[in-house]
């Protein structure tokens, strides 16, 4: 099961990196910002994104004990979104010792 999740989260992370790079090549976010914010669904999508980031950060804050690590992941989650989230989960899965189940990554260190 561990290998399945490593592959799954790796694919998601690589896919998101591709989407972000491809979109960045096609369109400059900073030039489009005012137009994008005028679209109601874009505003809803941003609120949805940051609500999800908030929930995921609460899990990270619960798991991590070091304030610097918490701050670093906060910046990465807000700045990179799904790329950072999948990276965090991959790091947690890869850090499992032989014989440890996936439930180990859900609890505090």
N, C-alpha and C. Protein backbone atom coordinates (compact mmCIF):
# COMPACT_ATOMS: atom_id res chain seq x y z
N UNK A 1 0.83 -1.19 0.00
CA UNK A 1 0.00 0.00 0.00
C UNK A 1 0.87 1.26 0.00
N UNK A 2 1.99 1.20 0.73
CA UNK A 2 2.89 2.35 0.80
C UNK A 2 3.38 2.73 -0.61
N UNK A 3 3.79 1.75 -1.39
CA UNK A 3 4.28 2.03 -2.74
C UNK A 3 3.20 2.64 -3.62
N UNK A 4 1.97 2.17 -3.46
CA UNK A 4 0.86 2.74 -4.22
C UNK A 4 0.73 4.23 -3.94
N UNK A 5 0.78 4.61 -2.66
CA UNK A 5 0.63 6.02 -2.30
C UNK A 5 1.85 6.85 -2.73
N UNK A 6 3.01 6.27 -2.71
CA UNK A 6 4.20 6.98 -3.20
C UNK A 6 4.03 7.29 -4.68
N UNK A 7 3.58 6.31 -5.44
CA UNK A 7 3.37 6.52 -6.88
C UNK A 7 2.25 7.52 -7.10
N UNK A 8 1.14 7.35 -6.39
CA UNK A 8 -0.01 8.24 -6.55
C UNK A 8 0.36 9.69 -6.27
N UNK A 9 0.97 9.96 -5.12
CA UNK A 9 1.30 11.33 -4.76
C UNK A 9 2.42 11.89 -5.64
N UNK A 10 3.31 11.05 -6.12
CA UNK A 10 4.34 11.50 -7.06
C UNK A 10 3.72 11.95 -8.37
N UNK A 11 2.77 11.16 -8.87
CA UNK A 11 2.09 11.51 -10.12
C UNK A 11 1.32 12.82 -9.96
N UNK A 12 0.60 12.96 -8.85
CA UNK A 12 -0.15 14.20 -8.61
C UNK A 12 0.81 15.40 -8.54
N UNK A 13 1.91 15.25 -7.84
CA UNK A 13 2.88 16.34 -7.70
C UNK A 13 3.47 16.72 -9.06
N UNK A 14 3.89 15.71 -9.83
CA UNK A 14 4.46 15.98 -11.15
C UNK A 14 3.42 16.61 -12.08
N UNK A 15 2.20 16.12 -12.02
CA UNK A 15 1.12 16.67 -12.84
C UNK A 15 0.89 18.15 -12.49
N UNK A 16 0.83 18.46 -11.20
CA UNK A 16 0.61 19.85 -10.80
C UNK A 16 1.77 20.75 -11.22
N UNK A 17 3.00 20.25 -11.13
CA UNK A 17 4.14 21.04 -11.59
C UNK A 17 4.03 21.31 -13.09
N UNK A 18 3.64 20.29 -13.85
CA UNK A 18 3.46 20.47 -15.29
C UNK A 18 2.38 21.52 -15.56
N UNK A 19 1.23 21.40 -14.90
CA UNK A 19 0.13 22.35 -15.11
C UNK A 19 0.56 23.77 -14.79
N UNK A 20 1.25 23.95 -13.67
CA UNK A 20 1.68 25.30 -13.27
C UNK A 20 2.68 25.88 -14.27
N UNK A 21 3.66 25.09 -14.68
CA UNK A 21 4.65 25.58 -15.65
C UNK A 21 3.99 25.86 -16.99
N UNK A 22 3.17 24.94 -17.47
CA UNK A 22 2.49 25.13 -18.76
C UNK A 22 1.60 26.38 -18.74
N UNK A 23 0.85 26.55 -17.66
CA UNK A 23 -0.02 27.72 -17.55
C UNK A 23 0.80 29.00 -17.45
N UNK A 24 1.90 28.96 -16.72
CA UNK A 24 2.76 30.14 -16.59
C UNK A 24 3.36 30.56 -17.92
N UNK A 25 3.68 29.59 -18.76
CA UNK A 25 4.22 29.90 -20.09
C UNK A 25 3.16 30.56 -20.97
N UNK A 26 1.92 30.14 -20.80
CA UNK A 26 0.83 30.65 -21.63
C UNK A 26 0.26 31.97 -21.14
N UNK A 27 0.33 32.21 -19.82
CA UNK A 27 -0.37 33.37 -19.27
C UNK A 27 0.37 33.89 -18.04
N UNK A 28 0.51 35.21 -17.95
CA UNK A 28 1.16 35.85 -16.81
C UNK A 28 0.10 36.15 -15.75
N UNK A 29 0.19 35.46 -14.62
CA UNK A 29 -0.79 35.63 -13.55
C UNK A 29 -0.89 37.08 -13.10
N UNK A 30 0.24 37.76 -13.01
CA UNK A 30 0.24 39.13 -12.49
C UNK A 30 -0.41 40.11 -13.46
N UNK A 31 -0.33 39.84 -14.75
CA UNK A 31 -1.01 40.68 -15.75
C UNK A 31 -2.51 40.39 -15.77
N UNK A 32 -2.89 39.17 -15.48
CA UNK A 32 -4.29 38.73 -15.55
C UNK A 32 -5.04 38.88 -14.22
N UNK A 33 -4.33 39.24 -13.15
CA UNK A 33 -4.90 39.20 -11.81
C UNK A 33 -6.22 39.95 -11.68
N UNK A 34 -6.27 41.21 -12.12
CA UNK A 34 -7.51 42.00 -11.97
C UNK A 34 -8.67 41.37 -12.74
N UNK A 35 -8.38 40.89 -13.93
CA UNK A 35 -9.43 40.23 -14.72
C UNK A 35 -9.91 38.96 -14.01
N UNK A 36 -8.96 38.15 -13.55
CA UNK A 36 -9.33 36.89 -12.90
C UNK A 36 -10.18 37.13 -11.66
N UNK A 37 -9.83 38.14 -10.88
CA UNK A 37 -10.61 38.41 -9.66
C UNK A 37 -12.00 38.95 -9.95
N UNK A 38 -12.23 39.40 -11.18
CA UNK A 38 -13.56 39.88 -11.55
C UNK A 38 -14.51 38.72 -11.87
N UNK A 39 -13.98 37.52 -12.00
CA UNK A 39 -14.79 36.34 -12.30
C UNK A 39 -15.23 35.70 -10.98
N UNK A 40 -16.53 35.63 -10.72
CA UNK A 40 -17.01 35.06 -9.45
C UNK A 40 -16.47 33.66 -9.16
N UNK A 41 -16.38 32.80 -10.16
CA UNK A 41 -15.89 31.45 -9.92
C UNK A 41 -14.41 31.44 -9.55
N UNK A 42 -13.67 32.39 -10.03
CA UNK A 42 -12.25 32.47 -9.65
C UNK A 42 -12.13 32.84 -8.17
N UNK A 43 -12.94 33.79 -7.73
CA UNK A 43 -12.94 34.16 -6.31
C UNK A 43 -13.35 32.96 -5.46
N UNK A 44 -14.38 32.24 -5.89
CA UNK A 44 -14.83 31.06 -5.15
C UNK A 44 -13.74 29.99 -5.11
N UNK A 45 -13.03 29.82 -6.22
CA UNK A 45 -11.94 28.84 -6.28
C UNK A 45 -10.82 29.23 -5.33
N UNK A 46 -10.49 30.50 -5.25
CA UNK A 46 -9.45 30.95 -4.32
C UNK A 46 -9.86 30.72 -2.87
N UNK A 47 -11.10 31.04 -2.54
CA UNK A 47 -11.59 30.79 -1.18
C UNK A 47 -11.55 29.30 -0.87
N UNK A 48 -11.95 28.48 -1.83
CA UNK A 48 -11.92 27.04 -1.65
C UNK A 48 -10.49 26.55 -1.44
N UNK A 49 -9.57 27.05 -2.24
CA UNK A 49 -8.16 26.67 -2.13
C UNK A 49 -7.63 27.00 -0.74
N UNK A 50 -7.84 28.23 -0.29
CA UNK A 50 -7.28 28.62 1.01
C UNK A 50 -7.98 27.95 2.18
N UNK A 51 -9.25 27.60 2.02
CA UNK A 51 -9.92 26.81 3.07
C UNK A 51 -9.28 25.43 3.17
N UNK A 52 -8.99 24.83 2.04
CA UNK A 52 -8.32 23.53 2.04
C UNK A 52 -6.92 23.63 2.63
N UNK A 53 -6.20 24.67 2.26
CA UNK A 53 -4.85 24.87 2.80
C UNK A 53 -4.91 25.03 4.32
N UNK A 54 -5.90 25.77 4.80
CA UNK A 54 -6.07 25.96 6.25
C UNK A 54 -6.26 24.62 6.95
N UNK A 55 -7.14 23.78 6.40
CA UNK A 55 -7.41 22.47 7.01
C UNK A 55 -6.13 21.62 7.01
N UNK A 56 -5.44 21.59 5.89
CA UNK A 56 -4.20 20.81 5.81
C UNK A 56 -3.13 21.34 6.75
N UNK A 57 -3.04 22.66 6.88
CA UNK A 57 -2.07 23.24 7.80
C UNK A 57 -2.38 22.89 9.25
N UNK A 58 -3.65 22.78 9.60
CA UNK A 58 -4.00 22.38 10.96
C UNK A 58 -3.45 20.98 11.25
N UNK A 59 -3.49 20.11 10.25
CA UNK A 59 -2.91 18.77 10.40
C UNK A 59 -1.41 18.87 10.56
N UNK A 60 -0.76 19.69 9.75
CA UNK A 60 0.70 19.87 9.86
C UNK A 60 1.05 20.45 11.22
N UNK A 61 0.31 21.45 11.68
CA UNK A 61 0.59 22.06 12.98
C UNK A 61 0.42 21.04 14.11
N UNK A 62 -0.54 20.14 13.97
CA UNK A 62 -0.74 19.09 14.96
C UNK A 62 0.44 18.12 14.96
N UNK A 63 0.92 17.75 13.78
CA UNK A 63 1.98 16.75 13.65
C UNK A 63 3.36 17.28 13.99
N UNK A 64 3.67 18.47 13.53
CA UNK A 64 5.02 19.01 13.67
C UNK A 64 5.15 19.72 15.02
N UNK A 65 6.32 19.61 15.62
CA UNK A 65 6.55 20.27 16.90
C UNK A 65 7.43 21.51 16.80
N UNK A 66 8.19 21.62 15.73
CA UNK A 66 9.12 22.73 15.56
C UNK A 66 8.43 23.90 14.88
N UNK A 67 8.47 25.08 15.49
CA UNK A 67 7.80 26.27 14.96
C UNK A 67 8.36 26.69 13.61
N UNK A 68 9.66 26.51 13.41
CA UNK A 68 10.29 26.87 12.14
C UNK A 68 9.77 25.96 11.03
N UNK A 69 9.65 24.68 11.32
CA UNK A 69 9.13 23.72 10.34
C UNK A 69 7.68 24.07 10.01
N UNK A 70 6.90 24.42 11.02
CA UNK A 70 5.51 24.82 10.80
C UNK A 70 5.45 26.05 9.89
N UNK A 71 6.29 27.03 10.17
CA UNK A 71 6.33 28.25 9.36
C UNK A 71 6.74 27.98 7.93
N UNK A 72 7.74 27.12 7.75
CA UNK A 72 8.21 26.78 6.40
C UNK A 72 7.09 26.11 5.60
N UNK A 73 6.42 25.15 6.21
CA UNK A 73 5.34 24.48 5.49
C UNK A 73 4.17 25.42 5.22
N UNK A 74 3.94 26.37 6.11
CA UNK A 74 2.88 27.36 5.87
C UNK A 74 3.18 28.14 4.60
N UNK A 75 4.39 28.66 4.49
CA UNK A 75 4.80 29.44 3.31
C UNK A 75 4.72 28.57 2.06
N UNK A 76 5.22 27.35 2.15
CA UNK A 76 5.21 26.46 0.98
C UNK A 76 3.79 26.10 0.56
N UNK A 77 2.92 25.79 1.51
CA UNK A 77 1.54 25.43 1.17
C UNK A 77 0.83 26.61 0.51
N UNK A 78 1.00 27.81 1.07
CA UNK A 78 0.32 28.98 0.51
C UNK A 78 0.90 29.35 -0.86
N UNK A 79 2.22 29.24 -0.99
CA UNK A 79 2.86 29.63 -2.24
C UNK A 79 2.79 28.59 -3.35
N UNK A 80 2.84 27.32 -2.99
CA UNK A 80 2.91 26.27 -4.00
C UNK A 80 1.67 25.37 -4.06
N UNK A 81 0.78 25.51 -3.08
CA UNK A 81 -0.46 24.75 -3.10
C UNK A 81 -0.26 23.25 -3.13
N UNK A 82 -0.89 22.60 -4.09
CA UNK A 82 -0.88 21.14 -4.18
C UNK A 82 0.51 20.56 -4.35
N UNK A 83 1.40 21.30 -4.97
CA UNK A 83 2.77 20.82 -5.14
C UNK A 83 3.40 20.62 -3.76
N UNK A 84 3.26 21.60 -2.89
CA UNK A 84 3.84 21.49 -1.54
C UNK A 84 3.10 20.45 -0.69
N UNK A 85 1.80 20.41 -0.82
CA UNK A 85 1.02 19.44 -0.03
C UNK A 85 1.41 18.01 -0.40
N UNK A 86 1.47 17.72 -1.69
CA UNK A 86 1.87 16.37 -2.09
C UNK A 86 3.31 16.09 -1.71
N UNK A 87 4.16 17.12 -1.75
CA UNK A 87 5.54 16.95 -1.31
C UNK A 87 5.61 16.60 0.17
N UNK A 88 4.81 17.28 0.98
CA UNK A 88 4.78 17.00 2.42
C UNK A 88 4.33 15.56 2.67
N UNK A 89 3.26 15.16 2.02
CA UNK A 89 2.75 13.81 2.22
C UNK A 89 3.77 12.77 1.75
N UNK A 90 4.41 13.03 0.61
CA UNK A 90 5.44 12.10 0.13
C UNK A 90 6.58 11.96 1.14
N UNK A 91 7.03 13.08 1.68
CA UNK A 91 8.10 13.04 2.69
C UNK A 91 7.66 12.21 3.89
N UNK A 92 6.42 12.38 4.31
CA UNK A 92 5.92 11.62 5.46
C UNK A 92 5.86 10.13 5.15
N UNK A 93 5.37 9.78 3.97
CA UNK A 93 5.28 8.37 3.59
C UNK A 93 6.68 7.76 3.47
N UNK A 94 7.60 8.49 2.83
CA UNK A 94 8.95 7.97 2.65
C UNK A 94 9.71 7.83 3.96
N UNK A 95 9.29 8.59 4.99
CA UNK A 95 9.97 8.51 6.28
C UNK A 95 9.50 7.33 7.14
N UNK A 96 8.46 6.64 6.69
CA UNK A 96 7.98 5.49 7.45
C UNK A 96 9.04 4.40 7.48
N UNK A 97 9.21 3.83 8.65
CA UNK A 97 10.15 2.72 8.80
C UNK A 97 9.47 1.43 8.37
N UNK A 98 10.25 0.45 8.05
CA UNK A 98 9.72 -0.84 7.63
C UNK A 98 8.77 -1.38 8.70
N UNK A 99 7.61 -1.77 8.28
CA UNK A 99 6.62 -2.32 9.19
C UNK A 99 5.63 -1.31 9.73
N UNK A 100 5.93 0.00 9.59
CA UNK A 100 5.00 1.02 10.06
C UNK A 100 3.89 1.21 9.02
N UNK A 101 2.68 1.33 9.51
CA UNK A 101 1.54 1.53 8.63
C UNK A 101 1.33 3.00 8.30
N UNK A 102 0.49 3.25 7.31
CA UNK A 102 0.20 4.62 6.89
C UNK A 102 -0.45 5.44 8.01
N UNK A 103 -1.14 4.75 8.95
CA UNK A 103 -1.77 5.48 10.04
C UNK A 103 -0.75 6.26 10.87
N UNK A 104 0.50 5.85 10.79
CA UNK A 104 1.59 6.52 11.55
C UNK A 104 1.75 7.98 11.09
N UNK A 105 1.48 8.27 9.83
CA UNK A 105 1.67 9.65 9.36
C UNK A 105 0.52 10.57 9.77
N UNK A 106 -0.55 9.99 10.26
CA UNK A 106 -1.69 10.82 10.66
C UNK A 106 -1.56 11.37 12.07
N UNK A 107 -0.69 10.78 12.87
CA UNK A 107 -0.59 11.17 14.27
C UNK A 107 0.65 12.03 14.52
N UNK A 108 0.66 12.64 15.67
CA UNK A 108 1.76 13.51 16.07
C UNK A 108 3.04 12.72 16.21
N UNK A 109 4.13 13.36 15.86
CA UNK A 109 5.45 12.72 15.97
C UNK A 109 5.84 12.59 17.43
